[in-house]
PDB file of N, CA and C in Angstrom:
ATOM      1  N   MET A   1     -33.728   2.347 -21.613  1.00  0.00           N
ATOM      2  CA  MET A   1     -32.574   2.967 -21.994  1.00  0.00           C
ATOM      3  C   MET A   1     -32.915   3.763 -23.203  1.00  0.00           C
ATOM      4  N   SER A   2     -32.283   4.921 -23.342  1.00  0.00           N
ATOM      5  CA  SER A   2     -32.574   5.837 -24.436  1.00  0.00           C
ATOM      6  C   SER A   2     -31.306   5.734 -25.446  1.00  0.00           C
ATOM      7  N   ARG A   3     -31.579   6.212 -26.629  1.00  0.00           N
ATOM      8  CA  ARG A   3     -30.575   6.260 -27.639  1.00  0.00           C
ATOM      9  C   ARG A   3     -29.933   7.608 -27.803  1.00  0.00           C
ATOM     10  N   SER A   4     -28.635   7.595 -28.009  1.00  0.00           N
ATOM     11  CA  SER A   4     -27.896   8.766 -28.339  1.00  0.00           C
ATOM     12  C   SER A   4     -26.893   8.549 -29.429  1.00  0.00           C
ATOM     13  N   ASN A   5     -27.076   9.281 -30.573  1.00  0.00           N
ATOM     14  CA  ASN A   5     -26.163   8.978 -31.677  1.00  0.00           C
ATOM     15  C   ASN A   5     -26.124   7.561 -32.271  1.00  0.00           C
ATOM     16  N   GLY A   6     -27.311   6.898 -32.073  1.00  0.00           N
ATOM     17  CA  GLY A   6     -27.388   5.523 -32.635  1.00  0.00           C
ATOM     18  C   GLY A   6     -27.059   4.436 -31.529  1.00  0.00           C
ATOM     19  N   ARG A   7     -26.336   4.787 -30.452  1.00  0.00           N
ATOM     20  CA  ARG A   7     -25.902   3.874 -29.437  1.00  0.00           C
ATOM     21  C   ARG A   7     -26.766   3.856 -28.293  1.00  0.00           C
ATOM     22  N   LEU A   8     -26.933   2.675 -27.682  1.00  0.00           N
ATOM     23  CA  LEU A   8     -27.668   2.718 -26.356  1.00  0.00           C
ATOM     24  C   LEU A   8     -26.890   3.306 -25.305  1.00  0.00           C
ATOM     25  N   GLU A   9     -27.469   4.116 -24.389  1.00  0.00           N
ATOM     26  CA  GLU A   9     -26.768   4.692 -23.305  1.00  0.00           C
ATOM     27  C   GLU A   9     -26.857   3.651 -22.230  1.00  0.00           C
ATOM     28  N   PRO A  10     -25.733   3.491 -21.461  1.00  0.00           N
ATOM     29  CA  PRO A  10     -25.721   2.621 -20.371  1.00  0.00           C
ATOM     30  C   PRO A  10     -26.584   3.056 -19.164  1.00  0.00           C
ATOM     31  N   GLU A  11     -27.082   2.070 -18.328  1.00  0.00           N
ATOM     32  CA  GLU A  11     -27.709   2.395 -17.154  1.00  0.00           C
ATOM     33  C   GLU A  11     -26.689   2.819 -16.163  1.00  0.00           C
ATOM     34  N   VAL A  12     -26.828   4.079 -15.678  1.00  0.00           N
ATOM     35  CA  VAL A  12     -25.839   4.636 -14.731  1.00  0.00           C
ATOM     36  C   VAL A  12     -26.255   4.262 -13.378  1.00  0.00           C
ATOM     37  N   ILE A  13     -25.280   3.688 -12.635  1.00  0.00           N
ATOM     38  CA  ILE A  13     -25.550   3.386 -11.218  1.00  0.00           C
ATOM     39  C   ILE A  13     -25.389   4.647 -10.268  1.00  0.00           C
ATOM     40  N   VAL A  14     -24.191   5.333 -10.466  1.00  0.00           N
ATOM     41  CA  VAL A  14     -23.901   6.439  -9.655  1.00  0.00           C
ATOM     42  C   VAL A  14     -23.415   7.521 -10.546  1.00  0.00           C
ATOM     43  N   ASN A  15     -23.724   8.751 -10.333  1.00  0.00           N
ATOM     44  CA  ASN A  15     -23.105  10.010 -11.001  1.00  0.00           C
ATOM     45  C   ASN A  15     -22.337  10.835  -9.887  1.00  0.00           C
ATOM     46  N   PHE A  16     -21.095  11.035 -10.097  1.00  0.00           N
ATOM     47  CA  PHE A  16     -20.377  11.731  -9.098  1.00  0.00           C
ATOM     48  C   PHE A  16     -20.258  13.204  -9.514  1.00  0.00           C
ATOM     49  N   SER A  17     -20.071  14.151  -8.521  1.00  0.00           N
ATOM     50  CA  SER A  17     -20.060  15.572  -8.922  1.00  0.00           C
ATOM     51  C   SER A  17     -18.839  15.984  -9.828  1.00  0.00           C
ATOM     52  N   ASP A  18     -17.815  15.130  -9.783  1.00  0.00           N
ATOM     53  CA  ASP A  18     -16.640  15.461 -10.672  1.00  0.00           C
ATOM     54  C   ASP A  18     -16.850  14.913 -12.076  1.00  0.00           C
ATOM     55  N   GLY A  19     -18.135  14.314 -12.418  1.00  0.00           N
ATOM     56  CA  GLY A  19     -18.337  13.993 -13.715  1.00  0.00           C
ATOM     57  C   GLY A  19     -18.084  12.396 -13.992  1.00  0.00           C
ATOM     58  N   PHE A  20     -17.497  11.677 -13.098  1.00  0.00           N
ATOM     59  CA  PHE A  20     -17.408  10.381 -13.332  1.00  0.00           C
ATOM     60  C   PHE A  20     -18.655   9.647 -12.987  1.00  0.00           C
ATOM     61  N   SER A  21     -18.948   8.483 -13.534  1.00  0.00           N
ATOM     62  CA  SER A  21     -20.082   7.650 -13.350  1.00  0.00           C
ATOM     63  C   SER A  21     -19.736   6.276 -13.585  1.00  0.00           C
ATOM     64  N   TYR A  22     -20.470   5.313 -12.960  1.00  0.00           N
ATOM     65  CA  TYR A  22     -20.207   3.894 -13.121  1.00  0.00           C
ATOM     66  C   TYR A  22     -21.401   3.326 -13.739  1.00  0.00           C
ATOM     67  N   ALA A  23     -21.313   2.519 -14.904  1.00  0.00           N
ATOM     68  CA  ALA A  23     -22.370   1.927 -15.702  1.00  0.00           C
ATOM     69  C   ALA A  23     -22.567   0.456 -15.203  1.00  0.00           C
ATOM     70  N   LYS A  24     -23.780   0.131 -14.954  1.00  0.00           N
ATOM     71  CA  LYS A  24     -24.100  -1.128 -14.583  1.00  0.00           C
ATOM     72  C   LYS A  24     -23.515  -2.237 -15.425  1.00  0.00           C
ATOM     73  N   GLY A  25     -23.743  -2.099 -16.796  1.00  0.00           N
ATOM     74  CA  GLY A  25     -23.350  -2.982 -17.690  1.00  0.00           C
ATOM     75  C   GLY A  25     -21.770  -3.282 -17.737  1.00  0.00           C
ATOM     76  N   LYS A  26     -21.034  -2.173 -17.597  1.00  0.00           N
ATOM     77  CA  LYS A  26     -19.638  -2.259 -17.639  1.00  0.00           C
ATOM     78  C   LYS A  26     -19.084  -3.038 -16.360  1.00  0.00           C
ATOM     79  N   MET A  27     -19.755  -2.611 -15.224  1.00  0.00           N
ATOM     80  CA  MET A  27     -19.377  -3.228 -14.004  1.00  0.00           C
ATOM     81  C   MET A  27     -19.631  -4.805 -14.079  1.00  0.00           C
ATOM     82  N   GLU A  28     -20.746  -5.187 -14.535  1.00  0.00           N
ATOM     83  CA  GLU A  28     -21.146  -6.595 -14.685  1.00  0.00           C
ATOM     84  C   GLU A  28     -20.121  -7.327 -15.458  1.00  0.00           C
ATOM     85  N   GLU A  29     -19.797  -6.543 -16.660  1.00  0.00           N
ATOM     86  CA  GLU A  29     -18.897  -7.296 -17.609  1.00  0.00           C
ATOM     87  C   GLU A  29     -17.457  -7.544 -16.877  1.00  0.00           C
ATOM     88  N   ALA A  30     -17.022  -6.521 -16.290  1.00  0.00           N
ATOM     89  CA  ALA A  30     -15.732  -6.558 -15.501  1.00  0.00           C
ATOM     90  C   ALA A  30     -15.665  -7.687 -14.626  1.00  0.00           C
ATOM     91  N   PHE A  31     -16.696  -7.817 -13.829  1.00  0.00           N
ATOM     92  CA  PHE A  31     -16.826  -8.886 -12.786  1.00  0.00           C
ATOM     93  C   PHE A  31     -16.888 -10.282 -13.424  1.00  0.00           C
ATOM     94  N   ARG A  32     -17.666 -10.385 -14.529  1.00  0.00           N
ATOM     95  CA  ARG A  32     -17.940 -11.589 -15.296  1.00  0.00           C
ATOM     96  C   ARG A  32     -16.661 -12.231 -15.803  1.00  0.00           C
ATOM     97  N   THR A  33     -15.922 -11.270 -16.533  1.00  0.00           N
ATOM     98  CA  THR A  33     -14.489 -11.706 -17.164  1.00  0.00           C
ATOM     99  C   THR A  33     -13.372 -11.700 -16.191  1.00  0.00           C
ATOM    100  N   GLY A  34     -13.522 -11.272 -14.979  1.00  0.00           N
ATOM    101  CA  GLY A  34     -12.392 -11.177 -14.034  1.00  0.00           C
ATOM    102  C   GLY A  34     -11.529  -9.990 -14.435  1.00  0.00           C
ATOM    103  N   GLY A  35     -12.002  -8.997 -15.074  1.00  0.00           N
ATOM    104  CA  GLY A  35     -11.212  -7.955 -15.550  1.00  0.00           C
ATOM    105  C   GLY A  35     -10.682  -7.080 -14.361  1.00  0.00           C
ATOM    106  N   LEU A  36     -11.313  -7.203 -13.369  1.00  0.00           N
ATOM    107  CA  LEU A  36     -10.788  -6.419 -12.086  1.00  0.00           C
ATOM    108  C   LEU A  36      -9.651  -7.079 -11.461  1.00  0.00           C
ATOM    109  N   MET A  37      -9.568  -8.370 -11.722  1.00  0.00           N
ATOM    110  CA  MET A  37      -8.482  -9.126 -11.017  1.00  0.00           C
ATOM    111  C   MET A  37      -7.375  -9.778 -11.993  1.00  0.00           C
ATOM    112  N   ASP A  38      -7.292  -9.048 -13.164  1.00  0.00           N
ATOM    113  CA  ASP A  38      -6.277  -9.572 -14.097  1.00  0.00           C
ATOM    114  C   ASP A  38      -4.894  -9.534 -13.629  1.00  0.00           C
ATOM    115  N   LYS A  39      -4.477  -8.576 -12.897  1.00  0.00           N
ATOM    116  CA  LYS A  39      -3.101  -8.379 -12.498  1.00  0.00           C
ATOM    117  C   LYS A  39      -2.886  -8.887 -10.996  1.00  0.00           C
ATOM    118  N   ALA A  40      -1.825  -9.472 -10.814  1.00  0.00           N
ATOM    119  CA  ALA A  40      -1.465  -9.886  -9.499  1.00  0.00           C
ATOM    120  C   ALA A  40      -0.990  -8.706  -8.669  1.00  0.00           C
ATOM    121  N   PRO A  41      -1.166  -8.656  -7.452  1.00  0.00           N
ATOM    122  CA  PRO A  41      -0.635  -7.528  -6.778  1.00  0.00           C
ATOM    123  C   PRO A  41       0.801  -7.366  -6.770  1.00  0.00           C
ATOM    124  N   PRO A  42       1.351  -6.213  -6.947  1.00  0.00           N
ATOM    125  CA  PRO A  42       2.830  -6.029  -7.048  1.00  0.00           C
ATOM    126  C   PRO A  42       3.477  -6.673  -5.700  1.00  0.00           C
ATOM    127  N   LYS A  43       4.611  -7.280  -5.981  1.00  0.00           N
ATOM    128  CA  LYS A  43       5.328  -7.824  -4.875  1.00  0.00           C
ATOM    129  C   LYS A  43       6.365  -6.798  -4.466  1.00  0.00           C
ATOM    130  N   SER A  44       6.476  -6.595  -3.111  1.00  0.00           N
ATOM    131  CA  SER A  44       7.444  -5.633  -2.667  1.00  0.00           C
ATOM    132  C   SER A  44       8.839  -6.234  -2.751  1.00  0.00           C
ATOM    133  N   VAL A  45       9.702  -5.443  -3.183  1.00  0.00           N
ATOM    134  CA  VAL A  45      11.142  -5.751  -3.313  1.00  0.00           C
ATOM    135  C   VAL A  45      11.830  -5.270  -2.122  1.00  0.00           C
ATOM    136  N   LYS A  46      12.404  -6.103  -1.243  1.00  0.00           N
ATOM    137  CA  LYS A  46      12.953  -5.747  -0.058  1.00  0.00           C
ATOM    138  C   LYS A  46      14.495  -5.789  -0.179  1.00  0.00           C
ATOM    139  N   ASP A  47      15.171  -4.890   0.448  1.00  0.00           N
ATOM    140  CA  ASP A  47      16.602  -4.768   0.540  1.00  0.00           C
ATOM    141  C   ASP A  47      16.981  -6.013   1.324  1.00  0.00           C
ATOM    142  N   PRO A  48      18.036  -6.765   0.975  1.00  0.00           N
ATOM    143  CA  PRO A  48      18.499  -7.830   1.659  1.00  0.00           C
ATOM    144  C   PRO A  48      18.938  -7.570   3.156  1.00  0.00           C
ATOM    145  N   ALA A  49      19.482  -6.387   3.430  1.00  0.00           N
ATOM    146  CA  ALA A  49      19.711  -5.886   4.732  1.00  0.00           C
ATOM    147  C   ALA A  49      18.526  -5.867   5.641  1.00  0.00           C
ATOM    148  N   VAL A  50      17.437  -5.379   4.987  1.00  0.00           N
ATOM    149  CA  VAL A  50      16.190  -5.237   5.749  1.00  0.00           C
ATOM    150  C   VAL A  50      15.573  -6.569   6.013  1.00  0.00           C
ATOM    151  N   ALA A  51      15.736  -7.597   5.034  1.00  0.00           N
ATOM    152  CA  ALA A  51      15.117  -8.795   5.184  1.00  0.00           C
ATOM    153  C   ALA A  51      15.743  -9.634   6.297  1.00  0.00           C
ATOM    154  N   SER A  52      17.152  -9.273   6.645  1.00  0.00           N
ATOM    155  CA  SER A  52      17.790 -10.073   7.550  1.00  0.00           C
ATOM    156  C   SER A  52      17.376  -9.576   9.085  1.00  0.00           C
ATOM    157  N   LEU A  53      16.641  -8.471   9.116  1.00  0.00           N
ATOM    158  CA  LEU A  53      16.237  -8.033  10.484  1.00  0.00           C
ATOM    159  C   LEU A  53      15.115  -8.745  11.044  1.00  0.00           C
ATOM    160  N   LYS A  54      15.051  -8.947  12.336  1.00  0.00           N
ATOM    161  CA  LYS A  54      13.995  -9.572  13.063  1.00  0.00           C
ATOM    162  C   LYS A  54      12.756  -8.672  13.173  1.00  0.00           C
ATOM    163  N   ARG A  55      11.525  -9.386  12.889  1.00  0.00           N
ATOM    164  CA  ARG A  55      10.282  -8.534  12.892  1.00  0.00           C
ATOM    165  C   ARG A  55      10.182  -7.988  14.239  1.00  0.00           C
ATOM    166  N   GLU A  56      10.453  -8.760  15.321  1.00  0.00           N
ATOM    167  CA  GLU A  56      10.161  -8.393  16.587  1.00  0.00           C
ATOM    168  C   GLU A  56      10.999  -7.086  16.932  1.00  0.00           C
ATOM    169  N   ASP A  57      12.250  -7.035  16.447  1.00  0.00           N
ATOM    170  CA  ASP A  57      13.036  -5.842  16.778  1.00  0.00           C
ATOM    171  C   ASP A  57      12.454  -4.538  16.123  1.00  0.00           C
ATOM    172  N   ILE A  58      11.956  -4.765  14.807  1.00  0.00           N
ATOM    173  CA  ILE A  58      11.387  -3.716  14.161  1.00  0.00           C
ATOM    174  C   ILE A  58      10.150  -3.177  14.805  1.00  0.00           C
ATOM    175  N   ASP A  59       9.220  -4.214  15.231  1.00  0.00           N
ATOM    176  CA  ASP A  59       7.881  -3.896  16.024  1.00  0.00           C
ATOM    177  C   ASP A  59       8.228  -3.110  17.322  1.00  0.00           C
ATOM    178  N   LEU A  60       9.259  -3.596  17.965  1.00  0.00           N
ATOM    179  CA  LEU A  60       9.590  -2.968  19.191  1.00  0.00           C
ATOM    180  C   LEU A  60       9.933  -1.482  19.044  1.00  0.00           C
ATOM    181  N   ILE A  61      10.808  -1.125  18.025  1.00  0.00           N
ATOM    182  CA  ILE A  61      11.128   0.272  17.778  1.00  0.00           C
ATOM    183  C   ILE A  61      10.039   1.077  17.229  1.00  0.00           C
ATOM    184  N   VAL A  62       9.140   0.483  16.352  1.00  0.00           N
ATOM    185  CA  VAL A  62       8.000   1.217  15.880  1.00  0.00           C
ATOM    186  C   VAL A  62       6.985   1.531  16.982  1.00  0.00           C
ATOM    187  N   HIS A  63       6.782   0.551  17.766  1.00  0.00           N
ATOM    188  CA  HIS A  63       5.701   0.823  18.901  1.00  0.00           C
ATOM    189  C   HIS A  63       6.212   1.770  19.974  1.00  0.00           C
ATOM    190  N   GLU A  64       7.619   1.551  20.324  1.00  0.00           N
ATOM    191  CA  GLU A  64       8.137   2.423  21.412  1.00  0.00           C
ATOM    192  C   GLU A  64       8.277   3.854  21.028  1.00  0.00           C
ATOM    193  N   PHE A  65       8.808   4.008  19.929  1.00  0.00           N
ATOM    194  CA  PHE A  65       9.184   5.356  19.464  1.00  0.00           C
ATOM    195  C   PHE A  65       8.160   6.005  18.622  1.00  0.00           C
ATOM    196  N   GLU A  66       7.146   5.152  18.236  1.00  0.00           N
ATOM    197  CA  GLU A  66       6.015   5.612  17.400  1.00  0.00           C
ATOM    198  C   GLU A  66       6.498   6.377  16.131  1.00  0.00           C
ATOM    199  N   ILE A  67       7.359   5.687  15.362  1.00  0.00           N
ATOM    200  CA  ILE A  67       7.904   6.181  14.156  1.00  0.00           C
ATOM    201  C   ILE A  67       7.459   5.147  13.028  1.00  0.00           C
ATOM    202  N   PRO A  68       7.535   5.585  11.735  1.00  0.00           N
ATOM    203  CA  PRO A  68       7.195   4.656  10.719  1.00  0.00           C
ATOM    204  C   PRO A  68       8.090   3.426  10.560  1.00  0.00           C
ATOM    205  N   ARG A  69       7.515   2.369  10.138  1.00  0.00           N
ATOM    206  CA  ARG A  69       8.304   1.153  10.059  1.00  0.00           C
ATOM    207  C   ARG A  69       9.637   1.307   9.199  1.00  0.00           C
ATOM    208  N   ALA A  70       9.463   2.131   8.121  1.00  0.00           N
ATOM    209  CA  ALA A  70      10.632   2.268   7.236  1.00  0.00           C
ATOM    210  C   ALA A  70      11.758   2.962   7.931  1.00  0.00           C
ATOM    211  N   GLN A  71      11.428   3.945   8.740  1.00  0.00           N
ATOM    212  CA  GLN A  71      12.426   4.575   9.587  1.00  0.00           C
ATOM    213  C   GLN A  71      13.013   3.739  10.661  1.00  0.00           C
ATOM    214  N   ALA A  72      12.189   2.910  11.336  1.00  0.00           N
ATOM    215  CA  ALA A  72      12.803   1.887  12.117  1.00  0.00           C
ATOM    216  C   ALA A  72      13.742   0.946  11.501  1.00  0.00           C
ATOM    217  N   GLU A  73      13.429   0.428  10.352  1.00  0.00           N
ATOM    218  CA  GLU A  73      14.210  -0.505   9.628  1.00  0.00           C
ATOM    219  C   GLU A  73      15.518   0.165   9.152  1.00  0.00           C
ATOM    220  N   LYS A  74      15.441   1.546   8.718  1.00  0.00           N
ATOM    221  CA  LYS A  74      16.597   2.138   8.372  1.00  0.00           C
ATOM    222  C   LYS A  74      17.665   2.308   9.508  1.00  0.00           C
ATOM    223  N   ALA A  75      16.998   2.701  10.646  1.00  0.00           N
ATOM    224  CA  ALA A  75      17.884   2.855  11.935  1.00  0.00           C
ATOM    225  C   ALA A  75      18.506   1.493  12.346  1.00  0.00           C
ATOM    226  N   LEU A  76      17.755   0.380  12.213  1.00  0.00           N
ATOM    227  CA  LEU A  76      18.327  -0.887  12.508  1.00  0.00           C
ATOM    228  C   LEU A  76      19.407  -1.285  11.506  1.00  0.00           C
ATOM    229  N   VAL A  77      19.212  -1.068  10.297  1.00  0.00           N
ATOM    230  CA  VAL A  77      20.387  -1.269   9.255  1.00  0.00           C
ATOM    231  C   VAL A  77      21.426  -0.526   9.526  1.00  0.00           C
ATOM    232  N   GLU A  78      21.418   0.750   9.937  1.00  0.00           N
ATOM    233  CA  GLU A  78      22.522   1.648  10.095  1.00  0.00           C
ATOM    234  C   GLU A  78      23.373   1.148  11.361  1.00  0.00           C
ATOM    235  N   HIS A  79      22.717   0.474  12.235  1.00  0.00           N
ATOM    236  CA  HIS A  79      23.491   0.006  13.379  1.00  0.00           C
ATOM    237  C   HIS A  79      23.567  -1.486  13.405  1.00  0.00           C
ATOM    238  N   GLY A  80      23.622  -2.074  12.227  1.00  0.00           N
ATOM    239  CA  GLY A  80      24.037  -3.456  12.020  1.00  0.00           C
ATOM    240  C   GLY A  80      23.067  -4.449  12.521  1.00  0.00           C
ATOM    241  N   GLY A  81      21.710  -4.097  12.745  1.00  0.00           N
ATOM    242  CA  GLY A  81      20.716  -4.934  13.249  1.00  0.00           C
ATOM    243  C   GLY A  81      20.648  -5.087  14.812  1.00  0.00           C
ATOM    244  N   ASP A  82      21.620  -4.327  15.509  1.00  0.00           N
ATOM    245  CA  ASP A  82      21.790  -4.406  16.972  1.00  0.00           C
ATOM    246  C   ASP A  82      20.714  -3.608  17.527  1.00  0.00           C
ATOM    247  N   VAL A  83      19.691  -4.119  18.349  1.00  0.00           N
ATOM    248  CA  VAL A  83      18.732  -3.437  18.908  1.00  0.00           C
ATOM    249  C   VAL A  83      19.134  -2.477  19.957  1.00  0.00           C
ATOM    250  N   SER A  84      20.048  -2.807  20.828  1.00  0.00           N
ATOM    251  CA  SER A  84      20.484  -1.866  21.907  1.00  0.00           C
ATOM    252  C   SER A  84      21.099  -0.699  21.311  1.00  0.00           C
ATOM    253  N   LYS A  85      21.983  -0.811  20.356  1.00  0.00           N
ATOM    254  CA  LYS A  85      22.757   0.296  19.716  1.00  0.00           C
ATOM    255  C   LYS A  85      21.670   1.269  18.944  1.00  0.00           C
ATOM    256  N   THR A  86      20.711   0.598  18.395  1.00  0.00           N
ATOM    257  CA  THR A  86      19.687   1.447  17.730  1.00  0.00           C
ATOM    258  C   THR A  86      18.777   2.215  18.630  1.00  0.00           C
ATOM    259  N   LEU A  87      18.391   1.534  19.757  1.00  0.00           N
ATOM    260  CA  LEU A  87      17.673   2.244  20.846  1.00  0.00           C
ATOM    261  C   LEU A  87      18.411   3.432  21.429  1.00  0.00           C
ATOM    262  N   GLN A  88      19.733   3.253  21.755  1.00  0.00           N
ATOM    263  CA  GLN A  88      20.575   4.287  22.250  1.00  0.00           C
ATOM    264  C   GLN A  88      20.630   5.415  21.352  1.00  0.00           C
ATOM    265  N   ALA A  89      20.855   5.076  20.118  1.00  0.00           N
ATOM    266  CA  ALA A  89      21.015   6.144  18.995  1.00  0.00           C
ATOM    267  C   ALA A  89      19.689   6.927  18.797  1.00  0.00           C
ATOM    268  N   LEU A  90      18.508   6.223  18.917  1.00  0.00           N
ATOM    269  CA  LEU A  90      17.314   6.964  18.898  1.00  0.00           C
ATOM    270  C   LEU A  90      17.017   7.805  20.072  1.00  0.00           C
ATOM    271  N   ILE A  91      17.477   7.346  21.287  1.00  0.00           N
ATOM    272  CA  ILE A  91      17.169   8.084  22.478  1.00  0.00           C
ATOM    273  C   ILE A  91      18.109   9.326  22.557  1.00  0.00           C
ATOM    274  N   ASN A  92      19.321   9.103  22.217  1.00  0.00           N
ATOM    275  CA  ASN A  92      20.468  10.175  22.185  1.00  0.00           C
ATOM    276  C   ASN A  92      20.983  10.343  20.821  1.00  0.00           C
ATOM    277  N   PRO A  93      20.362  11.050  19.867  1.00  0.00           N
ATOM    278  CA  PRO A  93      20.956  11.026  18.523  1.00  0.00           C
ATOM    279  C   PRO A  93      22.262  11.747  18.330  1.00  0.00           C
ATOM    280  N   GLN A  94      22.651  12.627  19.346  1.00  0.00           N
ATOM    281  CA  GLN A  94      23.922  13.358  19.132  1.00  0.00           C
ATOM    282  C   GLN A  94      25.190  12.563  19.236  1.00  0.00           C
ATOM    283  N   THR A  95      25.113  11.480  19.944  1.00  0.00           N
ATOM    284  CA  THR A  95      26.340  10.750  20.054  1.00  0.00           C
ATOM    285  C   THR A  95      26.504   9.584  18.925  1.00  0.00           C
TER     286      THR A  95
END
């Protein structure tokens, strides 16, 4: 290691083209202290109406219509959780 301004320069593992780099010492310290796992993953807050829907119903709509899960949940909530009404509304949205 060389010295710069009186401080030791860290051993660099990877230099990226955008200027970022990872230093071996800092990475080891983060893993040793558990610094990377300090925070618990955020818990998703679900709407009570969405929580009452059946997973099978949501999966059916997602797979059959190839739409995002959030859109399928919204459609089911709009139709009171009734799968047949939701399917009919997605097939023929004018009525």
